[in-house]
Amino acid sequence: MIQFSADFLESFLAVVRKYMQLRGGLTQKDLAEMSGVGISTMSRFLNLKTATIDEQLVANIIATLSIPLHEVIDGIEEDSTETFKRLVQFYKDQKATDQKASGGENEFAQGLGGEGQTRTRTTATINVGGRKQTVSFGGDNLDAGAKTDITMKDKLQSLSPRQKAYLTDFLDLDQNDRDLIVDLGETVFRYFRQRQVNF
C-alpha cells in the first residue's frame, strides 16, 4: 500500500485543478469520462468527501491529465515512491493501449496533417538579417522529390531512436515548460538562419 503525506490530498487536488484548466478547462464530468471513473466517485474525491486516499484513482488522474510526477512526488512517502511510479506508468500504458485500440491516430496527430485533413500550400515573406526571404510550407509539393502526403504517424515512425527519446521527454513536460523549449528552439533556429547556416 502506498503511503501519502498528511497534506498530500489538498496539494494534489490543487495540482489537478491546475491541470484541468491547462488541458482546456475540463469539468469534473470530463475528467471522470476521460479516466473511466464514475462521475459521483470523481466528484466525492475532488471535493474531499472521501475518508481515504484511493491510490488507484490518484495514479489514474495523473496519467489522464499527463501530470508530471515532480508536481506530486513530494507528497509520497519515500519508501512508496517506486511503487507509485510503477502504478502511474501502468495507467499511462493502459491509456496508450486503449488509444491504439480505439482508432490509431489521436486528435492531436490528425490536427497536424493526419488523414482527412486538407493541406494548403502557403508562402510567407520574412525579413532575416536585413534580407527578405520567401519561405513555403504546407501543400502537396514542398519539394519536387519530397514525399509530403505522409501522415503524422508516418513522420513519427521515421524519427531516429534519439529523436524519439527527445520527443518523449518533451511531451512529458508541463505546458509552460514545453512553451519554453519551443521558444528556445525558435531562438536557436533564428540565430542560425541569420548566420546563413543550413541544416
N, C-alpha and C. Protein backbone atom coordinates (compact mmCIF):
# COMPACT_ATOMS: atom_id res chain seq x y z
N MET A 1 0.83 -1.18 0.00
CA MET A 1 0.00 0.00 0.00
C MET A 1 0.88 1.25 0.00
N ILE A 2 0.50 2.22 -0.83
CA ILE A 2 1.29 3.45 -0.96
C ILE A 2 0.97 4.39 0.19
N GLN A 3 2.01 4.93 0.79
CA GLN A 3 1.85 5.86 1.91
C GLN A 3 1.97 7.30 1.42
N PHE A 4 0.98 8.12 1.80
CA PHE A 4 0.97 9.53 1.40
C PHE A 4 1.23 10.40 2.63
N SER A 5 1.76 11.59 2.39
CA SER A 5 1.96 12.53 3.49
C SER A 5 0.61 13.06 3.96
N ALA A 6 0.58 13.66 5.14
CA ALA A 6 -0.68 14.12 5.74
C ALA A 6 -1.39 15.16 4.89
N ASP A 7 -0.64 16.04 4.25
CA ASP A 7 -1.27 17.12 3.47
C ASP A 7 -1.30 16.82 1.97
N PHE A 8 -1.08 15.55 1.59
CA PHE A 8 -0.99 15.20 0.18
C PHE A 8 -2.26 15.55 -0.59
N LEU A 9 -3.42 15.17 -0.05
CA LEU A 9 -4.66 15.29 -0.81
C LEU A 9 -4.96 16.73 -1.20
N GLU A 10 -4.81 17.65 -0.27
CA GLU A 10 -5.11 19.05 -0.59
C GLU A 10 -4.17 19.59 -1.66
N SER A 11 -2.88 19.32 -1.53
CA SER A 11 -1.93 19.82 -2.54
C SER A 11 -2.13 19.12 -3.88
N PHE A 12 -2.45 17.82 -3.84
CA PHE A 12 -2.70 17.09 -5.08
C PHE A 12 -3.91 17.65 -5.81
N LEU A 13 -4.98 17.92 -5.08
CA LEU A 13 -6.19 18.45 -5.72
C LEU A 13 -5.95 19.83 -6.33
N ALA A 14 -5.08 20.62 -5.72
CA ALA A 14 -4.72 21.92 -6.30
C ALA A 14 -4.01 21.71 -7.64
N VAL A 15 -3.11 20.73 -7.69
CA VAL A 15 -2.40 20.42 -8.94
C VAL A 15 -3.39 19.90 -9.99
N VAL A 16 -4.32 19.05 -9.57
CA VAL A 16 -5.32 18.51 -10.50
C VAL A 16 -6.15 19.64 -11.09
N ARG A 17 -6.59 20.57 -10.27
CA ARG A 17 -7.40 21.69 -10.78
C ARG A 17 -6.59 22.53 -11.76
N LYS A 18 -5.32 22.72 -11.46
CA LYS A 18 -4.45 23.48 -12.36
C LYS A 18 -4.37 22.79 -13.73
N TYR A 19 -4.17 21.47 -13.72
CA TYR A 19 -4.04 20.76 -14.99
C TYR A 19 -5.37 20.58 -15.71
N MET A 20 -6.47 20.60 -14.98
CA MET A 20 -7.78 20.59 -15.64
C MET A 20 -7.94 21.88 -16.44
N GLN A 21 -7.47 22.98 -15.89
CA GLN A 21 -7.52 24.26 -16.61
C GLN A 21 -6.56 24.26 -17.79
N LEU A 22 -5.34 23.76 -17.57
CA LEU A 22 -4.34 23.74 -18.63
C LEU A 22 -4.76 22.85 -19.80
N ARG A 23 -5.52 21.82 -19.52
CA ARG A 23 -5.94 20.88 -20.57
C ARG A 23 -7.25 21.30 -21.23
N GLY A 24 -7.59 22.57 -21.11
CA GLY A 24 -8.77 23.08 -21.83
C GLY A 24 -9.96 23.37 -20.96
N GLY A 25 -9.76 23.56 -19.67
CA GLY A 25 -10.87 23.86 -18.78
C GLY A 25 -11.82 22.69 -18.59
N LEU A 26 -11.27 21.54 -18.28
CA LEU A 26 -12.08 20.33 -18.10
C LEU A 26 -12.98 20.45 -16.88
N THR A 27 -14.15 19.86 -16.97
CA THR A 27 -15.06 19.78 -15.82
C THR A 27 -14.82 18.46 -15.09
N GLN A 28 -15.43 18.31 -13.92
CA GLN A 28 -15.34 17.04 -13.19
C GLN A 28 -15.90 15.91 -14.05
N LYS A 29 -16.98 16.19 -14.75
CA LYS A 29 -17.59 15.18 -15.62
C LYS A 29 -16.62 14.77 -16.73
N ASP A 30 -15.96 15.77 -17.36
CA ASP A 30 -14.98 15.46 -18.41
C ASP A 30 -13.87 14.56 -17.88
N LEU A 31 -13.35 14.93 -16.71
CA LEU A 31 -12.26 14.15 -16.12
C LEU A 31 -12.72 12.74 -15.79
N ALA A 32 -13.93 12.61 -15.25
CA ALA A 32 -14.47 11.29 -14.93
C ALA A 32 -14.57 10.43 -16.19
N GLU A 33 -15.09 11.01 -17.27
CA GLU A 33 -15.25 10.25 -18.51
C GLU A 33 -13.90 9.87 -19.11
N MET A 34 -12.95 10.82 -19.09
CA MET A 34 -11.63 10.54 -19.65
C MET A 34 -10.89 9.45 -18.88
N SER A 35 -11.10 9.41 -17.57
CA SER A 35 -10.38 8.44 -16.74
C SER A 35 -11.16 7.15 -16.53
N GLY A 36 -12.40 7.09 -17.02
CA GLY A 36 -13.20 5.88 -16.88
C GLY A 36 -13.69 5.64 -15.47
N VAL A 37 -13.91 6.72 -14.74
CA VAL A 37 -14.36 6.65 -13.35
C VAL A 37 -15.78 7.21 -13.29
N GLY A 38 -16.58 6.71 -12.37
CA GLY A 38 -17.93 7.24 -12.21
C GLY A 38 -17.91 8.71 -11.82
N ILE A 39 -18.90 9.45 -12.29
CA ILE A 39 -18.94 10.89 -12.02
C ILE A 39 -19.08 11.17 -10.53
N SER A 40 -19.90 10.39 -9.83
CA SER A 40 -20.07 10.62 -8.39
C SER A 40 -18.79 10.31 -7.63
N THR A 41 -18.07 9.26 -8.04
CA THR A 41 -16.79 8.92 -7.41
C THR A 41 -15.80 10.06 -7.59
N MET A 42 -15.72 10.58 -8.82
CA MET A 42 -14.79 11.68 -9.09
C MET A 42 -15.19 12.93 -8.31
N SER A 43 -16.47 13.21 -8.24
CA SER A 43 -16.96 14.39 -7.52
C SER A 43 -16.62 14.30 -6.03
N ARG A 44 -16.87 13.12 -5.42
CA ARG A 44 -16.54 12.94 -4.00
C ARG A 44 -15.05 13.12 -3.75
N PHE A 45 -14.24 12.58 -4.65
CA PHE A 45 -12.79 12.68 -4.48
C PHE A 45 -12.32 14.14 -4.60
N LEU A 46 -12.77 14.83 -5.65
CA LEU A 46 -12.32 16.20 -5.89
C LEU A 46 -12.85 17.19 -4.86
N ASN A 47 -13.93 16.82 -4.16
CA ASN A 47 -14.50 17.70 -3.15
C ASN A 47 -14.16 17.25 -1.73
N LEU A 48 -13.13 16.40 -1.59
CA LEU A 48 -12.64 15.94 -0.28
C LEU A 48 -13.72 15.27 0.56
N LYS A 49 -14.56 14.47 -0.09
CA LYS A 49 -15.63 13.77 0.62
C LYS A 49 -15.31 12.29 0.82
N THR A 50 -14.03 11.94 0.72
CA THR A 50 -13.64 10.54 0.91
C THR A 50 -12.81 10.41 2.18
N ALA A 51 -12.94 9.26 2.82
CA ALA A 51 -12.23 9.04 4.08
C ALA A 51 -10.77 8.68 3.86
N THR A 52 -10.48 7.99 2.77
CA THR A 52 -9.11 7.56 2.48
C THR A 52 -8.69 8.01 1.08
N ILE A 53 -7.41 7.98 0.85
CA ILE A 53 -6.89 8.33 -0.48
C ILE A 53 -6.84 7.07 -1.32
N ASP A 54 -7.54 7.08 -2.44
CA ASP A 54 -7.54 5.95 -3.36
C ASP A 54 -6.33 6.06 -4.28
N GLU A 55 -5.30 5.26 -4.04
CA GLU A 55 -4.07 5.34 -4.81
C GLU A 55 -4.28 5.04 -6.28
N GLN A 56 -5.23 4.15 -6.57
CA GLN A 56 -5.55 3.82 -7.96
C GLN A 56 -6.12 5.05 -8.68
N LEU A 57 -7.02 5.74 -8.01
CA LEU A 57 -7.64 6.93 -8.60
C LEU A 57 -6.61 8.05 -8.78
N VAL A 58 -5.74 8.22 -7.81
CA VAL A 58 -4.69 9.23 -7.91
C VAL A 58 -3.81 8.95 -9.13
N ALA A 59 -3.35 7.72 -9.29
CA ALA A 59 -2.49 7.35 -10.42
C ALA A 59 -3.24 7.50 -11.74
N ASN A 60 -4.51 7.13 -11.76
CA ASN A 60 -5.33 7.25 -12.96
C ASN A 60 -5.46 8.71 -13.38
N ILE A 61 -5.70 9.60 -12.43
CA ILE A 61 -5.85 11.03 -12.74
C ILE A 61 -4.53 11.60 -13.26
N ILE A 62 -3.43 11.21 -12.64
CA ILE A 62 -2.11 11.68 -13.09
C ILE A 62 -1.87 11.26 -14.54
N ALA A 63 -2.18 10.00 -14.86
CA ALA A 63 -1.99 9.52 -16.23
C ALA A 63 -2.94 10.20 -17.20
N THR A 64 -4.18 10.41 -16.79
CA THR A 64 -5.19 11.02 -17.66
C THR A 64 -4.83 12.46 -18.01
N LEU A 65 -4.40 13.22 -17.02
CA LEU A 65 -4.08 14.63 -17.24
C LEU A 65 -2.62 14.86 -17.64
N SER A 66 -1.84 13.77 -17.72
CA SER A 66 -0.40 13.87 -18.03
C SER A 66 0.30 14.84 -17.08
N ILE A 67 0.03 14.66 -15.79
CA ILE A 67 0.67 15.50 -14.78
C ILE A 67 2.08 14.98 -14.56
N PRO A 68 3.09 15.83 -14.68
CA PRO A 68 4.47 15.39 -14.42
C PRO A 68 4.61 14.94 -12.96
N LEU A 69 5.31 13.85 -12.73
CA LEU A 69 5.44 13.30 -11.39
C LEU A 69 6.10 14.27 -10.40
N HIS A 70 6.96 15.14 -10.90
CA HIS A 70 7.63 16.06 -9.98
C HIS A 70 6.64 17.00 -9.29
N GLU A 71 5.44 17.14 -9.87
CA GLU A 71 4.42 18.00 -9.27
C GLU A 71 3.82 17.39 -8.01
N VAL A 72 3.86 16.06 -7.89
CA VAL A 72 3.16 15.39 -6.80
C VAL A 72 4.03 14.48 -5.94
N ILE A 73 5.23 14.20 -6.40
CA ILE A 73 6.04 13.16 -5.75
C ILE A 73 6.43 13.52 -4.32
N ASP A 74 6.47 14.82 -3.99
CA ASP A 74 6.83 15.22 -2.63
C ASP A 74 5.81 14.74 -1.60
N GLY A 75 4.59 14.47 -2.04
CA GLY A 75 3.55 14.02 -1.12
C GLY A 75 3.51 12.52 -0.93
N ILE A 76 4.44 11.80 -1.57
CA ILE A 76 4.51 10.34 -1.44
C ILE A 76 5.65 10.01 -0.49
N GLU A 77 5.37 9.14 0.47
CA GLU A 77 6.43 8.73 1.40
C GLU A 77 7.56 8.05 0.62
N GLU A 78 8.78 8.26 1.07
CA GLU A 78 9.97 7.82 0.32
C GLU A 78 9.96 6.33 0.00
N ASP A 79 9.52 5.51 0.94
CA ASP A 79 9.54 4.07 0.68
C ASP A 79 8.42 3.61 -0.25
N SER A 80 7.54 4.53 -0.65
CA SER A 80 6.44 4.19 -1.57
C SER A 80 6.63 4.76 -2.97
N THR A 81 7.68 5.55 -3.18
CA THR A 81 7.79 6.26 -4.46
C THR A 81 7.94 5.33 -5.66
N GLU A 82 8.74 4.29 -5.55
CA GLU A 82 8.92 3.38 -6.68
C GLU A 82 7.63 2.66 -7.04
N THR A 83 6.91 2.21 -6.02
CA THR A 83 5.62 1.55 -6.25
C THR A 83 4.66 2.51 -6.91
N PHE A 84 4.64 3.74 -6.44
CA PHE A 84 3.75 4.75 -7.00
C PHE A 84 4.10 5.04 -8.47
N LYS A 85 5.37 5.16 -8.77
CA LYS A 85 5.79 5.41 -10.15
C LYS A 85 5.35 4.28 -11.07
N ARG A 86 5.50 3.04 -10.59
CA ARG A 86 5.07 1.89 -11.40
C ARG A 86 3.56 1.90 -11.62
N LEU A 87 2.80 2.31 -10.60
CA LEU A 87 1.35 2.37 -10.73
C LEU A 87 0.94 3.42 -11.76
N VAL A 88 1.56 4.58 -11.70
CA VAL A 88 1.26 5.63 -12.68
C VAL A 88 1.63 5.16 -14.08
N GLN A 89 2.78 4.51 -14.22
CA GLN A 89 3.21 4.01 -15.53
C GLN A 89 2.22 2.97 -16.06
N PHE A 90 1.69 2.14 -15.17
CA PHE A 90 0.68 1.16 -15.58
C PHE A 90 -0.51 1.87 -16.22
N TYR A 91 -1.00 2.94 -15.58
CA TYR A 91 -2.15 3.66 -16.12
C TYR A 91 -1.80 4.37 -17.43
N LYS A 92 -0.59 4.89 -17.53
CA LYS A 92 -0.17 5.53 -18.78
C LYS A 92 -0.14 4.50 -19.91
N ASP A 93 0.43 3.34 -19.64
CA ASP A 93 0.49 2.28 -20.65
C ASP A 93 -0.91 1.83 -21.04
N GLN A 94 -1.80 1.72 -20.04
CA GLN A 94 -3.18 1.31 -20.31
C GLN A 94 -3.87 2.31 -21.23
N LYS A 95 -3.67 3.59 -20.98
CA LYS A 95 -4.28 4.63 -21.81
C LYS A 95 -3.72 4.60 -23.22
N ALA A 96 -2.42 4.36 -23.36
CA ALA A 96 -1.81 4.26 -24.68
C ALA A 96 -2.38 3.07 -25.45
N THR A 97 -2.55 1.95 -24.76
CA THR A 97 -3.13 0.76 -25.39
C THR A 97 -4.57 1.01 -25.81
N ASP A 98 -5.35 1.65 -24.94
CA ASP A 98 -6.75 1.95 -25.25
C ASP A 98 -6.84 2.89 -26.44
N GLN A 99 -5.93 3.85 -26.51
CA GLN A 99 -5.94 4.82 -27.60
C GLN A 99 -5.65 4.13 -28.93
N LYS A 100 -4.68 3.22 -28.93
CA LYS A 100 -4.36 2.48 -30.16
C LYS A 100 -5.54 1.62 -30.59
N ALA A 101 -6.17 0.97 -29.63
CA ALA A 101 -7.29 0.09 -29.94
C ALA A 101 -8.51 0.85 -30.46
N SER A 102 -8.64 2.12 -30.03
CA SER A 102 -9.84 2.86 -30.42
C SER A 102 -9.67 3.67 -31.69
N GLY A 103 -8.59 3.46 -32.42
CA GLY A 103 -8.55 4.14 -33.70
C GLY A 103 -7.21 4.67 -34.15
N GLY A 104 -6.13 4.26 -33.56
CA GLY A 104 -4.83 4.66 -34.07
C GLY A 104 -4.46 6.08 -33.73
N GLU A 105 -4.56 6.98 -34.72
CA GLU A 105 -4.10 8.35 -34.51
C GLU A 105 -5.02 9.09 -33.56
N ASN A 106 -4.45 9.89 -32.73
CA ASN A 106 -5.26 10.71 -31.85
C ASN A 106 -5.60 12.03 -32.52
N GLU A 107 -6.43 12.84 -31.86
CA GLU A 107 -6.85 14.10 -32.44
C GLU A 107 -5.67 15.02 -32.67
N PHE A 108 -4.69 14.97 -31.78
CA PHE A 108 -3.51 15.82 -31.92
C PHE A 108 -2.80 15.53 -33.23
N ALA A 109 -2.56 14.25 -33.49
CA ALA A 109 -1.85 13.88 -34.72
C ALA A 109 -2.68 14.21 -35.94
N GLN A 110 -4.00 13.99 -35.89
CA GLN A 110 -4.84 14.30 -37.03
C GLN A 110 -4.83 15.79 -37.32
N GLY A 111 -4.81 16.59 -36.28
CA GLY A 111 -4.81 18.03 -36.46
C GLY A 111 -3.51 18.55 -37.05
N LEU A 112 -2.47 17.74 -37.03
CA LEU A 112 -1.19 18.15 -37.59
C LEU A 112 -0.92 17.52 -38.95
N GLY A 113 -1.96 17.24 -39.67
CA GLY A 113 -1.76 16.76 -41.03
C GLY A 113 -2.08 15.30 -41.21
N GLY A 114 -2.87 14.72 -40.32
CA GLY A 114 -3.26 13.33 -40.47
C GLY A 114 -4.24 13.16 -41.61
N GLU A 115 -4.69 11.93 -41.81
CA GLU A 115 -5.60 11.65 -42.90
C GLU A 115 -6.88 12.45 -42.75
N GLY A 116 -7.43 12.86 -43.88
CA GLY A 116 -8.68 13.59 -43.87
C GLY A 116 -8.50 15.09 -43.71
N GLN A 117 -7.27 15.54 -43.55
CA GLN A 117 -7.01 16.97 -43.41
C GLN A 117 -6.69 17.55 -44.78
N THR A 118 -7.23 18.74 -45.06
CA THR A 118 -6.90 19.44 -46.29
C THR A 118 -5.59 20.16 -46.09
N ARG A 119 -4.65 19.95 -46.99
CA ARG A 119 -3.35 20.58 -46.87
C ARG A 119 -3.26 21.71 -47.88
N THR A 120 -2.89 22.88 -47.43
CA THR A 120 -2.81 24.06 -48.27
C THR A 120 -1.37 24.55 -48.33
N ARG A 121 -0.93 24.93 -49.50
CA ARG A 121 0.42 25.47 -49.64
C ARG A 121 0.36 26.96 -49.31
N THR A 122 1.26 27.39 -48.44
CA THR A 122 1.30 28.78 -48.00
C THR A 122 2.72 29.30 -48.17
N THR A 123 2.82 30.56 -48.56
CA THR A 123 4.12 31.19 -48.71
C THR A 123 4.16 32.44 -47.85
N ALA A 124 5.27 32.67 -47.19
CA ALA A 124 5.44 33.87 -46.37
C ALA A 124 6.76 34.52 -46.73
N THR A 125 6.76 35.85 -46.74
CA THR A 125 7.99 36.59 -46.95
C THR A 125 8.44 37.12 -45.59
N ILE A 126 9.66 36.77 -45.22
CA ILE A 126 10.16 37.18 -43.91
C ILE A 126 11.46 37.95 -44.07
N ASN A 127 11.77 38.75 -43.08
CA ASN A 127 12.99 39.54 -43.08
C ASN A 127 13.97 38.89 -42.10
N VAL A 128 15.05 38.34 -42.63
CA VAL A 128 16.05 37.67 -41.80
C VAL A 128 17.39 38.35 -42.01
N GLY A 129 17.89 38.95 -40.95
CA GLY A 129 19.20 39.61 -41.02
C GLY A 129 19.27 40.69 -42.08
N GLY A 130 18.16 41.43 -42.27
CA GLY A 130 18.15 42.51 -43.24
C GLY A 130 17.89 42.06 -44.66
N ARG A 131 17.69 40.76 -44.87
CA ARG A 131 17.40 40.24 -46.22
C ARG A 131 16.03 39.61 -46.23
N LYS A 132 15.29 39.85 -47.31
CA LYS A 132 13.96 39.25 -47.45
C LYS A 132 14.09 37.85 -48.03
N GLN A 133 13.37 36.92 -47.42
CA GLN A 133 13.38 35.56 -47.91
C GLN A 133 11.95 35.06 -48.00
N THR A 134 11.69 34.22 -48.98
CA THR A 134 10.38 33.61 -49.12
C THR A 134 10.45 32.18 -48.61
N VAL A 135 9.54 31.86 -47.72
CA VAL A 135 9.50 30.53 -47.13
C VAL A 135 8.17 29.89 -47.49
N SER A 136 8.21 28.67 -48.01
CA SER A 136 7.00 27.94 -48.36
C SER A 136 6.79 26.80 -47.40
N PHE A 137 5.56 26.54 -47.04
CA PHE A 137 5.26 25.40 -46.20
C PHE A 137 3.85 24.93 -46.47
N GLY A 138 3.59 23.65 -46.10
CA GLY A 138 2.27 23.07 -46.36
C GLY A 138 2.16 22.61 -47.79
N GLY A 139 0.96 22.26 -48.20
CA GLY A 139 0.71 21.88 -49.59
C GLY A 139 1.20 20.49 -49.92
N ASP A 140 1.04 20.12 -51.19
CA ASP A 140 1.40 18.79 -51.63
C ASP A 140 2.76 18.73 -52.31
N ASN A 141 3.38 19.88 -52.57
CA ASN A 141 4.63 19.90 -53.32
C ASN A 141 5.67 20.77 -52.65
N LEU A 142 6.05 20.44 -51.46
CA LEU A 142 7.06 21.25 -50.78
C LEU A 142 8.38 21.19 -51.53
N ASP A 143 8.75 20.03 -51.94
CA ASP A 143 9.98 19.80 -52.68
C ASP A 143 9.63 18.88 -53.82
N ALA A 144 10.24 19.06 -54.94
CA ALA A 144 9.87 18.25 -56.09
C ALA A 144 9.97 16.76 -55.80
N GLY A 145 11.02 16.34 -55.07
CA GLY A 145 11.19 14.92 -54.82
C GLY A 145 10.72 14.47 -53.47
N ALA A 146 10.21 15.39 -52.64
CA ALA A 146 9.86 15.04 -51.27
C ALA A 146 8.49 14.40 -51.20
N LYS A 147 8.36 13.47 -50.30
CA LYS A 147 7.06 12.84 -50.06
C LYS A 147 6.35 13.66 -49.00
N THR A 148 5.27 14.35 -49.39
CA THR A 148 4.61 15.26 -48.46
C THR A 148 3.25 14.79 -48.02
N ASP A 149 2.76 13.70 -48.58
CA ASP A 149 1.42 13.25 -48.23
C ASP A 149 1.45 12.21 -47.10
N ILE A 150 2.53 12.19 -46.33
CA ILE A 150 2.62 11.25 -45.23
C ILE A 150 1.88 11.80 -44.02
N THR A 151 1.34 10.90 -43.23
CA THR A 151 0.60 11.30 -42.04
C THR A 151 1.55 11.59 -40.89
N MET A 152 1.00 12.18 -39.85
CA MET A 152 1.81 12.46 -38.67
C MET A 152 2.36 11.16 -38.09
N LYS A 153 1.56 10.10 -38.14
CA LYS A 153 2.02 8.80 -37.64
C LYS A 153 3.26 8.33 -38.39
N ASP A 154 3.26 8.49 -39.73
CA ASP A 154 4.41 8.11 -40.54
C ASP A 154 5.63 8.96 -40.19
N LYS A 155 5.40 10.25 -39.98
CA LYS A 155 6.51 11.15 -39.62
C LYS A 155 7.12 10.74 -38.29
N LEU A 156 6.26 10.40 -37.31
CA LEU A 156 6.76 9.99 -36.01
C LEU A 156 7.55 8.69 -36.10
N GLN A 157 7.08 7.77 -36.96
CA GLN A 157 7.77 6.49 -37.11
C GLN A 157 9.12 6.65 -37.80
N SER A 158 9.30 7.73 -38.56
CA SER A 158 10.56 7.94 -39.27
C SER A 158 11.65 8.54 -38.38
N LEU A 159 11.31 8.91 -37.15
CA LEU A 159 12.29 9.51 -36.25
C LEU A 159 13.31 8.46 -35.79
N SER A 160 14.53 8.93 -35.54
CA SER A 160 15.56 8.04 -35.00
C SER A 160 15.26 7.77 -33.53
N PRO A 161 15.84 6.74 -32.93
CA PRO A 161 15.60 6.48 -31.50
C PRO A 161 15.96 7.67 -30.62
N ARG A 162 17.04 8.37 -30.98
CA ARG A 162 17.44 9.54 -30.20
C ARG A 162 16.38 10.64 -30.29
N GLN A 163 15.84 10.85 -31.50
CA GLN A 163 14.81 11.87 -31.69
C GLN A 163 13.53 11.48 -30.94
N LYS A 164 13.20 10.19 -30.96
CA LYS A 164 12.00 9.74 -30.24
C LYS A 164 12.16 9.95 -28.73
N ALA A 165 13.35 9.69 -28.22
CA ALA A 165 13.61 9.90 -26.79
C ALA A 165 13.44 11.37 -26.44
N TYR A 166 13.95 12.25 -27.29
CA TYR A 166 13.80 13.69 -27.06
C TYR A 166 12.33 14.07 -27.07
N LEU A 167 11.59 13.56 -28.06
CA LEU A 167 10.18 13.87 -28.18
C LEU A 167 9.40 13.38 -26.96
N THR A 168 9.75 12.20 -26.46
CA THR A 168 9.10 11.66 -25.27
C THR A 168 9.35 12.56 -24.07
N ASP A 169 10.61 12.98 -23.90
CA ASP A 169 10.94 13.91 -22.80
C ASP A 169 10.17 15.21 -22.95
N PHE A 170 10.09 15.71 -24.17
CA PHE A 170 9.37 16.96 -24.43
C PHE A 170 7.89 16.83 -24.06
N LEU A 171 7.27 15.72 -24.45
CA LEU A 171 5.84 15.53 -24.19
C LEU A 171 5.55 15.29 -22.71
N ASP A 172 6.55 14.84 -21.95
CA ASP A 172 6.37 14.63 -20.51
C ASP A 172 6.41 15.93 -19.72
N LEU A 173 6.86 17.02 -20.36
CA LEU A 173 6.91 18.32 -19.68
C LEU A 173 5.52 18.90 -19.53
N ASP A 174 5.36 19.82 -18.58
CA ASP A 174 4.08 20.51 -18.49
C ASP A 174 4.01 21.58 -19.58
N GLN A 175 2.84 22.19 -19.75
CA GLN A 175 2.60 23.12 -20.84
C GLN A 175 3.58 24.29 -20.85
N ASN A 176 3.85 24.88 -19.69
CA ASN A 176 4.76 26.02 -19.63
C ASN A 176 6.18 25.63 -20.02
N ASP A 177 6.63 24.46 -19.58
CA ASP A 177 7.97 24.01 -19.93
C ASP A 177 8.09 23.70 -21.42
N ARG A 178 7.02 23.14 -22.01
CA ARG A 178 7.03 22.91 -23.46
C ARG A 178 7.16 24.23 -24.21
N ASP A 179 6.39 25.23 -23.77
CA ASP A 179 6.47 26.55 -24.42
C ASP A 179 7.88 27.12 -24.32
N LEU A 180 8.52 26.92 -23.18
CA LEU A 180 9.89 27.41 -23.00
C LEU A 180 10.84 26.74 -23.99
N ILE A 181 10.72 25.42 -24.15
CA ILE A 181 11.57 24.69 -25.09
C ILE A 181 11.33 25.17 -26.52
N VAL A 182 10.07 25.39 -26.88
CA VAL A 182 9.75 25.88 -28.22
C VAL A 182 10.35 27.27 -28.43
N ASP A 183 10.22 28.14 -27.44
CA ASP A 183 10.80 29.48 -27.54
C ASP A 183 12.32 29.42 -27.72
N LEU A 184 12.97 28.55 -26.94
CA LEU A 184 14.43 28.40 -27.07
C LEU A 184 14.80 27.87 -28.46
N GLY A 185 14.03 26.90 -28.93
CA GLY A 185 14.29 26.33 -30.26
C GLY A 185 14.14 27.38 -31.36
N GLU A 186 13.09 28.20 -31.26
CA GLU A 186 12.89 29.25 -32.26
C GLU A 186 14.06 30.23 -32.25
N THR A 187 14.55 30.55 -31.07
CA THR A 187 15.68 31.48 -30.96
C THR A 187 16.93 30.88 -31.60
N VAL A 188 17.19 29.60 -31.35
CA VAL A 188 18.36 28.94 -31.95
C VAL A 188 18.23 28.91 -33.47
N PHE A 189 17.05 28.52 -34.00
CA PHE A 189 16.84 28.49 -35.45
C PHE A 189 17.02 29.88 -36.06
N ARG A 190 16.47 30.88 -35.40
CA ARG A 190 16.58 32.25 -35.90
C ARG A 190 18.06 32.67 -35.95
N TYR A 191 18.82 32.33 -34.93
CA TYR A 191 20.25 32.68 -34.89
C TYR A 191 20.99 32.04 -36.07
N PHE A 192 20.77 30.74 -36.30
CA PHE A 192 21.47 30.07 -37.38
C PHE A 192 21.03 30.57 -38.74
N ARG A 193 19.75 30.91 -38.89
CA ARG A 193 19.28 31.45 -40.17
C ARG A 193 19.93 32.80 -40.45
N GLN A 194 20.07 33.62 -39.40
CA GLN A 194 20.71 34.92 -39.59
C GLN A 194 22.17 34.75 -40.00
N ARG A 195 22.80 33.70 -39.52
CA ARG A 195 24.20 33.42 -39.88
C ARG A 195 24.29 32.63 -41.18
N GLN A 196 23.12 32.39 -41.81
CA GLN A 196 23.01 31.66 -43.07
C GLN A 196 23.59 30.26 -42.99
N VAL A 197 23.31 29.60 -41.87
CA VAL A 197 23.75 28.21 -41.68
C VAL A 197 22.59 27.32 -42.11
N ASN A 198 22.85 26.40 -43.02
CA ASN A 198 21.83 25.48 -43.48
C ASN A 198 21.87 24.21 -42.66
N PHE A 199 20.71 23.68 -42.36
CA PHE A 199 20.62 22.44 -41.57
C PHE A 199 20.54 21.25 -42.50
